Amino acid sequence: MTAHLPGALAIEVAGESVVLLPERALWLPAHDVLLVADLHWGKAAALRAAHVPVPNGTTASDLARLSIALSATGARHLVVLGDLLHARTGRHDDTFATIAAWRAQHMHTHITLVRGNHDLHAGDPPESLGILCSNAPWRLGPFIGVHEPVANETGYVLGGHLHPSVTVRGRGRLSARLPTYVFGAKLGILPAFSSFTGGGMYERQPRDRLYAIAGDEVVALNAP
């Protein structure tokens, strides 16, 4: 299944095959759906509006990575588990022009946004982008898509919001902080898709399975 997906890792969750991509996206092959969380489009623009000197081009870079994931999987449906836009002050014309150009290249991809806490303040994306916006929960098979992950007895929850990451250490006090997929008994947490978003809000639970993104490869840290 992952032979044509370099660096990806297939695991079983809630009785279904789930593929973890190094692009920070989760693919459900049985449903032809690609899941991402916490894109935070326009975050750099919002910071620049607040006179914080940050670089340009972060949204374009993330969109290029999203294109790679869509192309590799061939997924026809993209579901964003919250925080598509970062802030109302990030609704910049240049940002939306970049997004619109990307959307034109993926006009046949259905996109659904499951609203998160940032979306409630930033507002929905322009209708011209053709993104269906809805409130949680979003249900598909055994999965319940939300933004803020809270266990639900009626299904297996997939969410974002917590930007999970782990610190791995090597020789000579060298260390690196890696974005991470987390799967517990009743819920899974996706890493933040945005490369311009920090981690650290996730609190590890004893039986969680962790899968870190080490460059262009997903590696199991403590999975059986």
N, C-alpha and C. Protein backbone atom coordinates (compact mmCIF):
# COMPACT_ATOMS: atom_id res chain seq x y z
N MET A 1 0.82 -1.21 0.00
CA MET A 1 0.00 0.00 0.00
C MET A 1 0.85 1.26 0.00
N THR A 2 1.99 1.21 0.69
CA THR A 2 2.82 2.41 0.79
C THR A 2 4.01 2.37 -0.17
N ALA A 3 4.04 1.39 -1.10
CA ALA A 3 5.18 1.27 -2.00
C ALA A 3 5.37 2.53 -2.83
N HIS A 4 4.26 3.18 -3.20
CA HIS A 4 4.34 4.39 -4.03
C HIS A 4 4.31 5.66 -3.18
N LEU A 5 4.45 5.48 -1.86
CA LEU A 5 4.43 6.62 -0.95
C LEU A 5 5.72 6.60 -0.13
N PRO A 6 6.80 7.12 -0.66
CA PRO A 6 8.09 7.08 0.04
C PRO A 6 8.01 7.71 1.42
N GLY A 7 8.52 6.99 2.41
CA GLY A 7 8.58 7.50 3.77
C GLY A 7 7.30 7.34 4.57
N ALA A 8 6.21 6.89 3.93
CA ALA A 8 4.93 6.74 4.63
C ALA A 8 4.91 5.46 5.44
N LEU A 9 4.00 5.41 6.39
CA LEU A 9 3.88 4.24 7.27
C LEU A 9 2.41 3.88 7.42
N ALA A 10 2.05 2.63 7.11
CA ALA A 10 0.68 2.15 7.24
C ALA A 10 0.51 1.46 8.59
N ILE A 11 -0.55 1.84 9.31
CA ILE A 11 -0.87 1.21 10.59
C ILE A 11 -2.36 0.91 10.60
N GLU A 12 -2.80 0.22 11.64
CA GLU A 12 -4.23 -0.06 11.80
C GLU A 12 -4.79 0.77 12.95
N VAL A 13 -5.90 1.45 12.67
CA VAL A 13 -6.58 2.26 13.68
C VAL A 13 -8.08 1.98 13.56
N ALA A 14 -8.72 1.65 14.66
CA ALA A 14 -10.16 1.38 14.68
C ALA A 14 -10.56 0.35 13.62
N GLY A 15 -9.70 -0.63 13.41
CA GLY A 15 -10.00 -1.70 12.47
C GLY A 15 -9.80 -1.35 11.01
N GLU A 16 -9.25 -0.19 10.73
CA GLU A 16 -9.03 0.23 9.35
C GLU A 16 -7.57 0.59 9.12
N SER A 17 -7.15 0.46 7.86
CA SER A 17 -5.80 0.85 7.49
C SER A 17 -5.71 2.37 7.41
N VAL A 18 -4.69 2.92 8.04
CA VAL A 18 -4.44 4.36 8.04
C VAL A 18 -2.99 4.56 7.62
N VAL A 19 -2.75 5.50 6.71
CA VAL A 19 -1.40 5.73 6.22
C VAL A 19 -0.93 7.10 6.70
N LEU A 20 0.20 7.11 7.40
CA LEU A 20 0.79 8.33 7.94
C LEU A 20 1.84 8.82 6.97
N LEU A 21 1.67 10.03 6.46
CA LEU A 21 2.59 10.58 5.46
C LEU A 21 3.60 11.51 6.11
N PRO A 22 4.83 11.56 5.60
CA PRO A 22 5.81 12.50 6.13
C PRO A 22 5.45 13.95 5.86
N GLU A 23 4.47 14.17 4.98
CA GLU A 23 4.01 15.53 4.69
C GLU A 23 3.06 16.06 5.76
N ARG A 24 2.89 15.32 6.87
CA ARG A 24 2.01 15.69 7.98
C ARG A 24 0.54 15.57 7.60
N ALA A 25 0.23 14.57 6.83
CA ALA A 25 -1.14 14.30 6.41
C ALA A 25 -1.44 12.83 6.61
N LEU A 26 -2.69 12.52 6.94
CA LEU A 26 -3.14 11.16 7.21
C LEU A 26 -4.10 10.75 6.11
N TRP A 27 -3.84 9.59 5.51
CA TRP A 27 -4.65 9.11 4.39
C TRP A 27 -5.48 7.92 4.84
N LEU A 28 -6.78 7.97 4.51
CA LEU A 28 -7.69 6.86 4.74
C LEU A 28 -7.99 6.23 3.38
N PRO A 29 -7.21 5.25 2.95
CA PRO A 29 -7.34 4.72 1.58
C PRO A 29 -8.70 4.10 1.29
N ALA A 30 -9.34 3.48 2.29
CA ALA A 30 -10.64 2.85 2.05
C ALA A 30 -11.70 3.88 1.71
N HIS A 31 -11.48 5.12 2.11
CA HIS A 31 -12.47 6.18 1.89
C HIS A 31 -11.98 7.25 0.90
N ASP A 32 -10.73 7.11 0.44
CA ASP A 32 -10.14 8.07 -0.49
C ASP A 32 -10.15 9.48 0.08
N VAL A 33 -9.80 9.59 1.37
CA VAL A 33 -9.83 10.87 2.08
C VAL A 33 -8.45 11.16 2.66
N LEU A 34 -8.01 12.40 2.51
CA LEU A 34 -6.78 12.86 3.12
C LEU A 34 -7.14 13.83 4.24
N LEU A 35 -6.57 13.60 5.43
CA LEU A 35 -6.86 14.43 6.60
C LEU A 35 -5.63 15.25 6.98
N VAL A 36 -5.85 16.52 7.28
CA VAL A 36 -4.81 17.38 7.82
C VAL A 36 -5.44 18.23 8.92
N ALA A 37 -4.59 18.86 9.72
CA ALA A 37 -5.09 19.73 10.79
C ALA A 37 -4.15 20.90 10.97
N ASP A 38 -4.71 22.02 11.37
CA ASP A 38 -3.91 23.19 11.77
C ASP A 38 -3.03 23.70 10.63
N LEU A 39 -3.66 24.15 9.55
CA LEU A 39 -2.90 24.73 8.44
C LEU A 39 -2.47 26.18 8.76
N HIS A 40 -3.31 26.90 9.48
CA HIS A 40 -2.99 28.26 9.92
C HIS A 40 -2.53 29.15 8.76
N TRP A 41 -3.29 29.10 7.67
CA TRP A 41 -2.98 29.98 6.53
C TRP A 41 -3.01 31.44 6.99
N GLY A 42 -2.04 32.18 6.53
CA GLY A 42 -2.00 33.61 6.83
C GLY A 42 -1.39 33.96 8.17
N LYS A 43 -0.79 32.99 8.85
CA LYS A 43 -0.23 33.31 10.17
C LYS A 43 0.90 34.32 10.05
N ALA A 44 1.77 34.14 9.08
CA ALA A 44 2.89 35.08 8.92
C ALA A 44 2.37 36.48 8.61
N ALA A 45 1.33 36.56 7.77
CA ALA A 45 0.75 37.86 7.44
C ALA A 45 0.16 38.52 8.68
N ALA A 46 -0.47 37.70 9.54
CA ALA A 46 -1.04 38.25 10.78
C ALA A 46 0.06 38.78 11.69
N LEU A 47 1.17 38.08 11.76
CA LEU A 47 2.28 38.54 12.60
C LEU A 47 2.91 39.80 12.03
N ARG A 48 3.04 39.86 10.72
CA ARG A 48 3.60 41.07 10.12
C ARG A 48 2.68 42.26 10.35
N ALA A 49 1.35 42.01 10.35
CA ALA A 49 0.40 43.08 10.64
C ALA A 49 0.57 43.60 12.06
N ALA A 50 1.11 42.75 12.94
CA ALA A 50 1.37 43.15 14.32
C ALA A 50 2.82 43.62 14.49
N HIS A 51 3.49 43.87 13.36
CA HIS A 51 4.85 44.41 13.34
C HIS A 51 5.88 43.43 13.89
N VAL A 52 5.60 42.12 13.69
CA VAL A 52 6.58 41.10 14.05
C VAL A 52 7.32 40.71 12.77
N PRO A 53 8.65 40.87 12.72
CA PRO A 53 9.39 40.59 11.49
C PRO A 53 9.56 39.10 11.23
N VAL A 54 8.70 38.55 10.38
CA VAL A 54 8.76 37.13 10.02
C VAL A 54 8.84 37.02 8.51
N PRO A 55 9.34 35.90 7.99
CA PRO A 55 9.54 35.78 6.54
C PRO A 55 8.25 35.62 5.77
N ASN A 56 8.32 35.94 4.48
CA ASN A 56 7.22 35.68 3.56
C ASN A 56 7.33 34.25 3.03
N GLY A 57 6.26 33.78 2.40
CA GLY A 57 6.32 32.52 1.67
C GLY A 57 5.97 31.28 2.44
N THR A 58 5.59 31.39 3.72
CA THR A 58 5.30 30.18 4.49
C THR A 58 4.04 29.48 4.00
N THR A 59 3.01 30.23 3.63
CA THR A 59 1.78 29.61 3.13
C THR A 59 2.05 28.90 1.81
N ALA A 60 2.82 29.53 0.92
CA ALA A 60 3.13 28.91 -0.37
C ALA A 60 3.91 27.61 -0.18
N SER A 61 4.84 27.61 0.77
CA SER A 61 5.63 26.41 1.04
C SER A 61 4.76 25.28 1.55
N ASP A 62 3.83 25.61 2.45
CA ASP A 62 2.94 24.58 2.98
C ASP A 62 1.99 24.06 1.91
N LEU A 63 1.52 24.94 1.05
CA LEU A 63 0.64 24.51 -0.03
C LEU A 63 1.34 23.56 -0.99
N ALA A 64 2.62 23.81 -1.23
CA ALA A 64 3.38 22.91 -2.10
C ALA A 64 3.47 21.52 -1.48
N ARG A 65 3.67 21.47 -0.17
CA ARG A 65 3.73 20.18 0.53
C ARG A 65 2.37 19.49 0.50
N LEU A 66 1.30 20.26 0.61
CA LEU A 66 -0.04 19.68 0.54
C LEU A 66 -0.29 19.11 -0.86
N SER A 67 0.19 19.78 -1.88
CA SER A 67 0.05 19.27 -3.25
C SER A 67 0.76 17.93 -3.40
N ILE A 68 1.93 17.79 -2.78
CA ILE A 68 2.67 16.53 -2.85
C ILE A 68 1.84 15.41 -2.24
N ALA A 69 1.22 15.67 -1.08
CA ALA A 69 0.41 14.64 -0.42
C ALA A 69 -0.81 14.26 -1.25
N LEU A 70 -1.45 15.24 -1.84
CA LEU A 70 -2.63 14.97 -2.68
C LEU A 70 -2.24 14.18 -3.92
N SER A 71 -1.14 14.57 -4.54
CA SER A 71 -0.69 13.88 -5.74
C SER A 71 -0.26 12.46 -5.45
N ALA A 72 0.44 12.26 -4.35
CA ALA A 72 0.95 10.93 -4.01
C ALA A 72 -0.18 9.95 -3.72
N THR A 73 -1.20 10.41 -3.02
CA THR A 73 -2.31 9.52 -2.64
C THR A 73 -3.41 9.47 -3.69
N GLY A 74 -3.53 10.53 -4.49
CA GLY A 74 -4.65 10.61 -5.42
C GLY A 74 -5.98 10.84 -4.74
N ALA A 75 -5.94 11.28 -3.49
CA ALA A 75 -7.18 11.47 -2.72
C ALA A 75 -8.08 12.50 -3.40
N ARG A 76 -9.36 12.19 -3.45
CA ARG A 76 -10.33 13.10 -4.06
C ARG A 76 -11.00 14.02 -3.06
N HIS A 77 -10.79 13.75 -1.77
CA HIS A 77 -11.44 14.55 -0.73
C HIS A 77 -10.39 14.92 0.32
N LEU A 78 -10.26 16.20 0.57
CA LEU A 78 -9.36 16.71 1.60
C LEU A 78 -10.20 17.25 2.74
N VAL A 79 -9.92 16.77 3.96
CA VAL A 79 -10.65 17.23 5.14
C VAL A 79 -9.66 17.91 6.08
N VAL A 80 -9.96 19.15 6.43
CA VAL A 80 -9.12 19.93 7.34
C VAL A 80 -9.77 19.93 8.71
N LEU A 81 -9.08 19.36 9.69
CA LEU A 81 -9.63 19.26 11.04
C LEU A 81 -9.29 20.52 11.85
N GLY A 82 -9.78 21.62 11.37
CA GLY A 82 -9.71 22.87 12.12
C GLY A 82 -8.50 23.74 11.87
N ASP A 83 -8.71 25.03 12.13
CA ASP A 83 -7.68 26.08 12.03
C ASP A 83 -7.09 26.16 10.63
N LEU A 84 -7.96 26.33 9.66
CA LEU A 84 -7.53 26.56 8.28
C LEU A 84 -6.85 27.93 8.18
N LEU A 85 -7.53 28.95 8.72
CA LEU A 85 -6.98 30.30 8.76
C LEU A 85 -6.51 30.61 10.18
N HIS A 86 -5.49 31.44 10.28
CA HIS A 86 -4.92 31.71 11.59
C HIS A 86 -5.64 32.83 12.33
N ALA A 87 -5.89 33.95 11.64
CA ALA A 87 -6.48 35.11 12.31
C ALA A 87 -7.12 36.02 11.27
N ARG A 88 -8.04 36.85 11.73
CA ARG A 88 -8.69 37.78 10.81
C ARG A 88 -7.68 38.76 10.21
N THR A 89 -6.65 39.12 10.99
CA THR A 89 -5.63 40.05 10.49
C THR A 89 -4.74 39.40 9.43
N GLY A 90 -4.85 38.07 9.28
CA GLY A 90 -4.07 37.39 8.25
C GLY A 90 -4.80 37.23 6.93
N ARG A 91 -6.02 37.79 6.84
CA ARG A 91 -6.80 37.70 5.61
C ARG A 91 -6.28 38.75 4.62
N HIS A 92 -5.08 38.50 4.14
CA HIS A 92 -4.38 39.44 3.27
C HIS A 92 -4.62 39.07 1.81
N ASP A 93 -4.73 40.08 0.95
CA ASP A 93 -5.00 39.82 -0.47
C ASP A 93 -3.93 38.93 -1.09
N ASP A 94 -2.68 39.15 -0.75
CA ASP A 94 -1.61 38.34 -1.32
C ASP A 94 -1.72 36.89 -0.87
N THR A 95 -2.10 36.69 0.39
CA THR A 95 -2.26 35.33 0.90
C THR A 95 -3.37 34.60 0.16
N PHE A 96 -4.50 35.27 0.00
CA PHE A 96 -5.62 34.64 -0.69
C PHE A 96 -5.34 34.43 -2.17
N ALA A 97 -4.53 35.29 -2.77
CA ALA A 97 -4.15 35.10 -4.17
C ALA A 97 -3.31 33.83 -4.32
N THR A 98 -2.41 33.60 -3.37
CA THR A 98 -1.59 32.39 -3.37
C THR A 98 -2.47 31.15 -3.20
N ILE A 99 -3.41 31.23 -2.27
CA ILE A 99 -4.30 30.09 -2.02
C ILE A 99 -5.20 29.83 -3.23
N ALA A 100 -5.70 30.90 -3.85
CA ALA A 100 -6.58 30.75 -5.01
C ALA A 100 -5.84 30.09 -6.18
N ALA A 101 -4.58 30.46 -6.38
CA ALA A 101 -3.79 29.84 -7.45
C ALA A 101 -3.59 28.35 -7.18
N TRP A 102 -3.34 28.01 -5.91
CA TRP A 102 -3.21 26.60 -5.55
C TRP A 102 -4.53 25.86 -5.75
N ARG A 103 -5.63 26.49 -5.34
CA ARG A 103 -6.94 25.84 -5.46
C ARG A 103 -7.29 25.56 -6.91
N ALA A 104 -6.89 26.46 -7.80
CA ALA A 104 -7.16 26.27 -9.22
C ALA A 104 -6.47 25.02 -9.76
N GLN A 105 -5.35 24.66 -9.16
CA GLN A 105 -4.63 23.46 -9.57
C GLN A 105 -5.28 22.19 -9.02
N HIS A 106 -6.16 22.35 -8.03
CA HIS A 106 -6.81 21.20 -7.39
C HIS A 106 -8.32 21.40 -7.39
N MET A 107 -8.84 21.89 -8.48
CA MET A 107 -10.27 22.23 -8.54
C MET A 107 -11.17 21.01 -8.45
N HIS A 108 -10.64 19.82 -8.74
CA HIS A 108 -11.46 18.61 -8.68
C HIS A 108 -11.38 17.93 -7.31
N THR A 109 -10.63 18.52 -6.39
CA THR A 109 -10.54 17.98 -5.04
C THR A 109 -11.61 18.60 -4.16
N HIS A 110 -12.45 17.78 -3.56
CA HIS A 110 -13.44 18.28 -2.60
C HIS A 110 -12.71 18.62 -1.30
N ILE A 111 -13.01 19.78 -0.74
CA ILE A 111 -12.37 20.20 0.50
C ILE A 111 -13.43 20.51 1.54
N THR A 112 -13.29 19.92 2.71
CA THR A 112 -14.19 20.17 3.83
C THR A 112 -13.37 20.72 5.01
N LEU A 113 -13.85 21.79 5.59
CA LEU A 113 -13.24 22.34 6.80
C LEU A 113 -14.14 22.03 7.99
N VAL A 114 -13.61 21.34 8.97
CA VAL A 114 -14.28 21.16 10.26
C VAL A 114 -13.75 22.27 11.16
N ARG A 115 -14.57 23.25 11.43
CA ARG A 115 -14.10 24.48 12.07
C ARG A 115 -13.41 24.22 13.41
N GLY A 116 -12.32 25.00 13.63
CA GLY A 116 -11.60 24.95 14.89
C GLY A 116 -11.69 26.29 15.60
N ASN A 117 -10.95 26.43 16.70
CA ASN A 117 -11.05 27.65 17.49
C ASN A 117 -10.54 28.88 16.73
N HIS A 118 -9.50 28.73 15.93
CA HIS A 118 -9.01 29.88 15.16
C HIS A 118 -9.99 30.27 14.06
N ASP A 119 -10.68 29.28 13.48
CA ASP A 119 -11.64 29.58 12.42
C ASP A 119 -12.79 30.43 12.93
N LEU A 120 -13.18 30.22 14.18
CA LEU A 120 -14.30 30.99 14.75
C LEU A 120 -13.97 32.48 14.81
N HIS A 121 -12.67 32.81 14.96
CA HIS A 121 -12.27 34.21 15.02
C HIS A 121 -11.84 34.73 13.64
N ALA A 122 -11.18 33.88 12.86
CA ALA A 122 -10.68 34.31 11.55
C ALA A 122 -11.78 34.38 10.51
N GLY A 123 -12.83 33.60 10.70
CA GLY A 123 -13.92 33.55 9.72
C GLY A 123 -13.67 32.45 8.69
N ASP A 124 -14.72 32.08 7.97
CA ASP A 124 -14.62 31.06 6.93
C ASP A 124 -13.83 31.60 5.74
N PRO A 125 -13.21 30.71 4.97
CA PRO A 125 -12.51 31.15 3.75
C PRO A 125 -13.49 31.69 2.72
N PRO A 126 -13.02 32.48 1.75
CA PRO A 126 -13.92 33.01 0.71
C PRO A 126 -14.66 31.89 -0.01
N GLU A 127 -15.91 32.14 -0.35
CA GLU A 127 -16.72 31.14 -1.05
C GLU A 127 -16.10 30.73 -2.38
N SER A 128 -15.35 31.64 -2.98
CA SER A 128 -14.74 31.36 -4.28
C SER A 128 -13.76 30.19 -4.23
N LEU A 129 -13.27 29.84 -3.04
CA LEU A 129 -12.34 28.72 -2.91
C LEU A 129 -13.06 27.37 -2.92
N GLY A 130 -14.37 27.39 -2.81
CA GLY A 130 -15.13 26.14 -2.89
C GLY A 130 -14.83 25.18 -1.76
N ILE A 131 -14.74 25.70 -0.54
CA ILE A 131 -14.47 24.87 0.63
C ILE A 131 -15.74 24.77 1.47
N LEU A 132 -16.21 23.55 1.69
CA LEU A 132 -17.40 23.33 2.51
C LEU A 132 -17.01 23.45 3.97
N CYS A 133 -17.70 24.32 4.70
CA CYS A 133 -17.37 24.55 6.11
C CYS A 133 -18.47 23.98 7.00
N SER A 134 -18.07 23.28 8.04
CA SER A 134 -19.05 22.69 8.96
C SER A 134 -18.48 22.67 10.36
N ASN A 135 -19.37 22.53 11.32
CA ASN A 135 -18.93 22.37 12.70
C ASN A 135 -18.72 20.90 13.01
N ALA A 136 -17.90 20.62 14.02
CA ALA A 136 -17.67 19.23 14.45
C ALA A 136 -18.96 18.68 15.07
N PRO A 137 -19.15 17.37 15.02
CA PRO A 137 -18.22 16.36 14.51
C PRO A 137 -18.46 16.06 13.03
N TRP A 138 -17.42 15.60 12.36
CA TRP A 138 -17.49 15.10 10.98
C TRP A 138 -17.27 13.60 11.06
N ARG A 139 -18.20 12.82 10.55
CA ARG A 139 -18.16 11.36 10.73
C ARG A 139 -17.90 10.64 9.42
N LEU A 140 -17.06 9.60 9.52
CA LEU A 140 -16.75 8.76 8.36
C LEU A 140 -16.38 7.37 8.87
N GLY A 141 -17.23 6.39 8.58
CA GLY A 141 -16.96 5.04 9.07
C GLY A 141 -16.83 5.04 10.58
N PRO A 142 -15.75 4.45 11.12
CA PRO A 142 -15.59 4.42 12.57
C PRO A 142 -15.00 5.71 13.14
N PHE A 143 -14.69 6.67 12.27
CA PHE A 143 -13.96 7.86 12.70
C PHE A 143 -14.87 9.07 12.93
N ILE A 144 -14.48 9.86 13.91
CA ILE A 144 -15.16 11.12 14.22
C ILE A 144 -14.12 12.23 14.11
N GLY A 145 -14.28 13.10 13.13
CA GLY A 145 -13.34 14.18 12.93
C GLY A 145 -13.73 15.43 13.70
N VAL A 146 -12.80 15.95 14.49
CA VAL A 146 -13.02 17.15 15.28
C VAL A 146 -11.75 17.99 15.22
N HIS A 147 -11.78 19.15 15.84
CA HIS A 147 -10.53 19.91 15.96
C HIS A 147 -9.88 19.63 17.31
N GLU A 148 -10.59 19.88 18.39
CA GLU A 148 -10.04 19.65 19.73
C GLU A 148 -10.37 18.21 20.14
N PRO A 149 -9.34 17.37 20.28
CA PRO A 149 -9.57 15.94 20.48
C PRO A 149 -10.05 15.58 21.89
N VAL A 150 -11.28 15.10 21.95
CA VAL A 150 -11.87 14.61 23.19
C VAL A 150 -12.51 13.26 22.87
N ALA A 151 -12.22 12.25 23.67
CA ALA A 151 -12.73 10.91 23.40
C ALA A 151 -14.25 10.90 23.32
N ASN A 152 -14.76 10.06 22.41
CA ASN A 152 -16.19 9.94 22.19
C ASN A 152 -16.53 8.45 22.14
N GLU A 153 -17.50 8.02 22.92
CA GLU A 153 -17.83 6.60 23.02
C GLU A 153 -18.44 6.04 21.75
N THR A 154 -18.87 6.91 20.82
CA THR A 154 -19.56 6.42 19.62
C THR A 154 -18.63 6.18 18.45
N GLY A 155 -17.33 6.44 18.61
CA GLY A 155 -16.40 6.22 17.51
C GLY A 155 -14.99 6.60 17.91
N TYR A 156 -14.07 6.43 16.97
CA TYR A 156 -12.67 6.78 17.21
C TYR A 156 -12.44 8.21 16.73
N VAL A 157 -11.99 9.06 17.64
CA VAL A 157 -11.83 10.49 17.35
C VAL A 157 -10.49 10.76 16.68
N LEU A 158 -10.51 11.58 15.64
CA LEU A 158 -9.30 12.10 15.01
C LEU A 158 -9.37 13.61 15.09
N GLY A 159 -8.31 14.24 15.61
CA GLY A 159 -8.31 15.69 15.77
C GLY A 159 -6.93 16.28 15.63
N GLY A 160 -6.83 17.55 15.94
CA GLY A 160 -5.56 18.28 15.87
C GLY A 160 -5.40 19.12 17.12
N HIS A 161 -5.22 20.43 16.91
CA HIS A 161 -5.24 21.44 17.97
C HIS A 161 -4.03 21.43 18.90
N LEU A 162 -3.54 20.26 19.28
CA LEU A 162 -2.51 20.16 20.31
C LEU A 162 -1.08 20.19 19.75
N HIS A 163 -0.95 20.15 18.43
CA HIS A 163 0.36 20.25 17.78
C HIS A 163 1.39 19.30 18.41
N PRO A 164 1.10 17.99 18.46
CA PRO A 164 2.00 17.08 19.16
C PRO A 164 3.39 17.00 18.53
N SER A 165 4.38 16.89 19.39
CA SER A 165 5.77 16.74 18.95
C SER A 165 6.53 16.01 20.04
N VAL A 166 7.66 15.46 19.68
CA VAL A 166 8.53 14.80 20.65
C VAL A 166 9.96 15.28 20.44
N THR A 167 10.73 15.22 21.50
CA THR A 167 12.14 15.54 21.42
C THR A 167 12.95 14.26 21.44
N VAL A 168 13.73 14.06 20.40
CA VAL A 168 14.60 12.88 20.34
C VAL A 168 16.04 13.35 20.56
N ARG A 169 16.80 12.53 21.26
CA ARG A 169 18.16 12.94 21.64
C ARG A 169 19.18 11.94 21.12
N GLY A 170 20.33 12.48 20.76
CA GLY A 170 21.43 11.65 20.27
C GLY A 170 22.69 11.91 21.06
N ARG A 171 23.80 11.58 20.49
CA ARG A 171 25.07 11.75 21.16
C ARG A 171 25.47 13.22 21.24
N GLY A 172 26.32 13.52 22.20
CA GLY A 172 26.85 14.87 22.31
C GLY A 172 25.80 15.93 22.61
N ARG A 173 24.77 15.52 23.33
CA ARG A 173 23.69 16.44 23.71
C ARG A 173 22.91 16.99 22.53
N LEU A 174 23.03 16.34 21.38
CA LEU A 174 22.26 16.77 20.22
C LEU A 174 20.81 16.31 20.38
N SER A 175 19.88 17.15 19.97
CA SER A 175 18.46 16.81 20.06
C SER A 175 17.70 17.49 18.93
N ALA A 176 16.53 16.96 18.67
CA ALA A 176 15.66 17.54 17.65
C ALA A 176 14.22 17.36 18.09
N ARG A 177 13.41 18.34 17.78
CA ARG A 177 11.98 18.28 18.11
C ARG A 177 11.22 17.95 16.83
N LEU A 178 10.48 16.84 16.84
CA LEU A 178 9.85 16.33 15.64
C LEU A 178 8.32 16.34 15.76
N PRO A 179 7.64 16.79 14.71
CA PRO A 179 6.17 16.67 14.71
C PRO A 179 5.78 15.21 14.75
N THR A 180 4.67 14.91 15.42
CA THR A 180 4.35 13.52 15.76
C THR A 180 2.87 13.22 15.63
N TYR A 181 2.57 12.04 15.11
CA TYR A 181 1.22 11.49 15.16
C TYR A 181 1.07 10.74 16.48
N VAL A 182 -0.10 10.87 17.09
CA VAL A 182 -0.37 10.21 18.36
C VAL A 182 -1.66 9.39 18.24
N PHE A 183 -1.63 8.14 18.70
CA PHE A 183 -2.83 7.31 18.68
C PHE A 183 -2.99 6.64 20.04
N GLY A 184 -4.07 7.02 20.72
CA GLY A 184 -4.42 6.41 21.98
C GLY A 184 -5.51 5.38 21.79
N ALA A 185 -6.11 4.95 22.89
CA ALA A 185 -7.13 3.91 22.82
C ALA A 185 -8.39 4.38 22.09
N LYS A 186 -8.74 5.67 22.27
CA LYS A 186 -10.00 6.15 21.71
C LYS A 186 -9.87 7.40 20.86
N LEU A 187 -8.65 7.93 20.77
CA LEU A 187 -8.50 9.12 19.92
C LEU A 187 -7.09 9.23 19.36
N GLY A 188 -7.00 9.86 18.18
CA GLY A 188 -5.73 10.11 17.53
C GLY A 188 -5.56 11.60 17.30
N ILE A 189 -4.33 12.06 17.33
CA ILE A 189 -4.03 13.48 17.16
C ILE A 189 -3.04 13.64 16.02
N LEU A 190 -3.37 14.49 15.06
CA LEU A 190 -2.49 14.76 13.93
C LEU A 190 -1.51 15.87 14.28
N PRO A 191 -0.31 15.83 13.71
CA PRO A 191 0.61 16.95 13.90
C PRO A 191 0.08 18.18 13.18
N ALA A 192 0.50 19.35 13.61
CA ALA A 192 0.12 20.57 12.90
C ALA A 192 0.70 20.53 11.50
N PHE A 193 -0.14 20.77 10.50
CA PHE A 193 0.36 20.76 9.13
C PHE A 193 1.26 21.96 8.86
N SER A 194 0.94 23.07 9.47
CA SER A 194 1.73 24.28 9.26
C SER A 194 3.16 24.10 9.74
N SER A 195 4.10 24.49 8.90
CA SER A 195 5.50 24.44 9.29
C SER A 195 5.89 25.66 10.12
N PHE A 196 4.95 26.59 10.27
CA PHE A 196 5.22 27.83 10.99
C PHE A 196 4.44 27.86 12.31
N THR A 197 4.23 26.67 12.87
CA THR A 197 3.47 26.54 14.11
C THR A 197 4.24 25.65 15.08
N GLY A 198 4.40 26.10 16.29
CA GLY A 198 5.15 25.33 17.29
C GLY A 198 4.35 24.17 17.84
N GLY A 199 5.02 23.36 18.65
CA GLY A 199 4.36 22.23 19.28
C GLY A 199 4.45 22.35 20.79
N GLY A 200 3.97 21.31 21.46
CA GLY A 200 4.17 21.28 22.89
C GLY A 200 2.94 21.28 23.75
N MET A 201 1.73 21.36 23.17
CA MET A 201 0.52 21.37 23.99
C MET A 201 0.01 19.97 24.33
N TYR A 202 0.56 18.97 23.65
CA TYR A 202 0.12 17.59 23.88
C TYR A 202 0.80 17.01 25.12
N GLU A 203 0.00 16.37 25.97
CA GLU A 203 0.53 15.70 27.16
C GLU A 203 0.43 14.19 26.93
N ARG A 204 1.57 13.56 26.90
CA ARG A 204 1.64 12.14 26.57
C ARG A 204 0.95 11.28 27.61
N GLN A 205 0.18 10.30 27.12
CA GLN A 205 -0.48 9.33 27.97
C GLN A 205 0.27 8.00 27.91
N PRO A 206 0.21 7.18 28.97
CA PRO A 206 1.06 5.98 29.06
C PRO A 206 0.93 5.02 27.89
N ARG A 207 -0.28 4.85 27.33
CA ARG A 207 -0.47 3.82 26.29
C ARG A 207 -0.53 4.41 24.89
N ASP A 208 -0.17 5.67 24.73
CA ASP A 208 -0.18 6.29 23.41
C ASP A 208 0.88 5.68 22.50
N ARG A 209 0.50 5.47 21.24
CA ARG A 209 1.46 5.07 20.21
C ARG A 209 1.94 6.34 19.51
N LEU A 210 3.25 6.51 19.38
CA LEU A 210 3.82 7.72 18.81
C LEU A 210 4.54 7.40 17.51
N TYR A 211 4.30 8.24 16.50
CA TYR A 211 4.95 8.08 15.20
C TYR A 211 5.48 9.45 14.79
N ALA A 212 6.79 9.59 14.82
CA ALA A 212 7.41 10.88 14.56
C ALA A 212 7.76 11.04 13.08
N ILE A 213 7.77 12.28 12.63
CA ILE A 213 8.17 12.61 11.27
C ILE A 213 9.62 13.06 11.31
N ALA A 214 10.49 12.17 10.85
CA ALA A 214 11.92 12.45 10.85
C ALA A 214 12.34 12.79 9.42
N GLY A 215 12.24 14.07 9.08
CA GLY A 215 12.56 14.49 7.72
C GLY A 215 11.55 13.97 6.73
N ASP A 216 11.97 13.08 5.85
CA ASP A 216 11.08 12.56 4.82
C ASP A 216 10.59 11.15 5.13
N GLU A 217 10.54 10.80 6.42
CA GLU A 217 10.13 9.46 6.82
C GLU A 217 9.35 9.49 8.13
N VAL A 218 8.32 8.65 8.22
CA VAL A 218 7.57 8.48 9.47
C VAL A 218 8.13 7.26 10.19
N VAL A 219 8.50 7.43 11.45
CA VAL A 219 9.10 6.33 12.20
C VAL A 219 8.30 6.07 13.47
N ALA A 220 8.14 4.80 13.80
CA ALA A 220 7.44 4.41 15.04
C ALA A 220 8.41 4.54 16.21
N LEU A 221 7.97 5.25 17.25
CA LEU A 221 8.84 5.45 18.41
C LEU A 221 8.61 4.41 19.49
N ASN A 222 7.36 4.04 19.70
CA ASN A 222 7.09 3.07 20.77
C ASN A 222 5.97 2.12 20.42
N ALA A 223 5.69 2.00 19.12
CA ALA A 223 4.58 1.13 18.72
C ALA A 223 5.01 -0.33 18.73
N PRO A 224 4.07 -1.25 19.01
CA PRO A 224 4.39 -2.68 19.02
C PRO A 224 4.74 -3.19 17.62
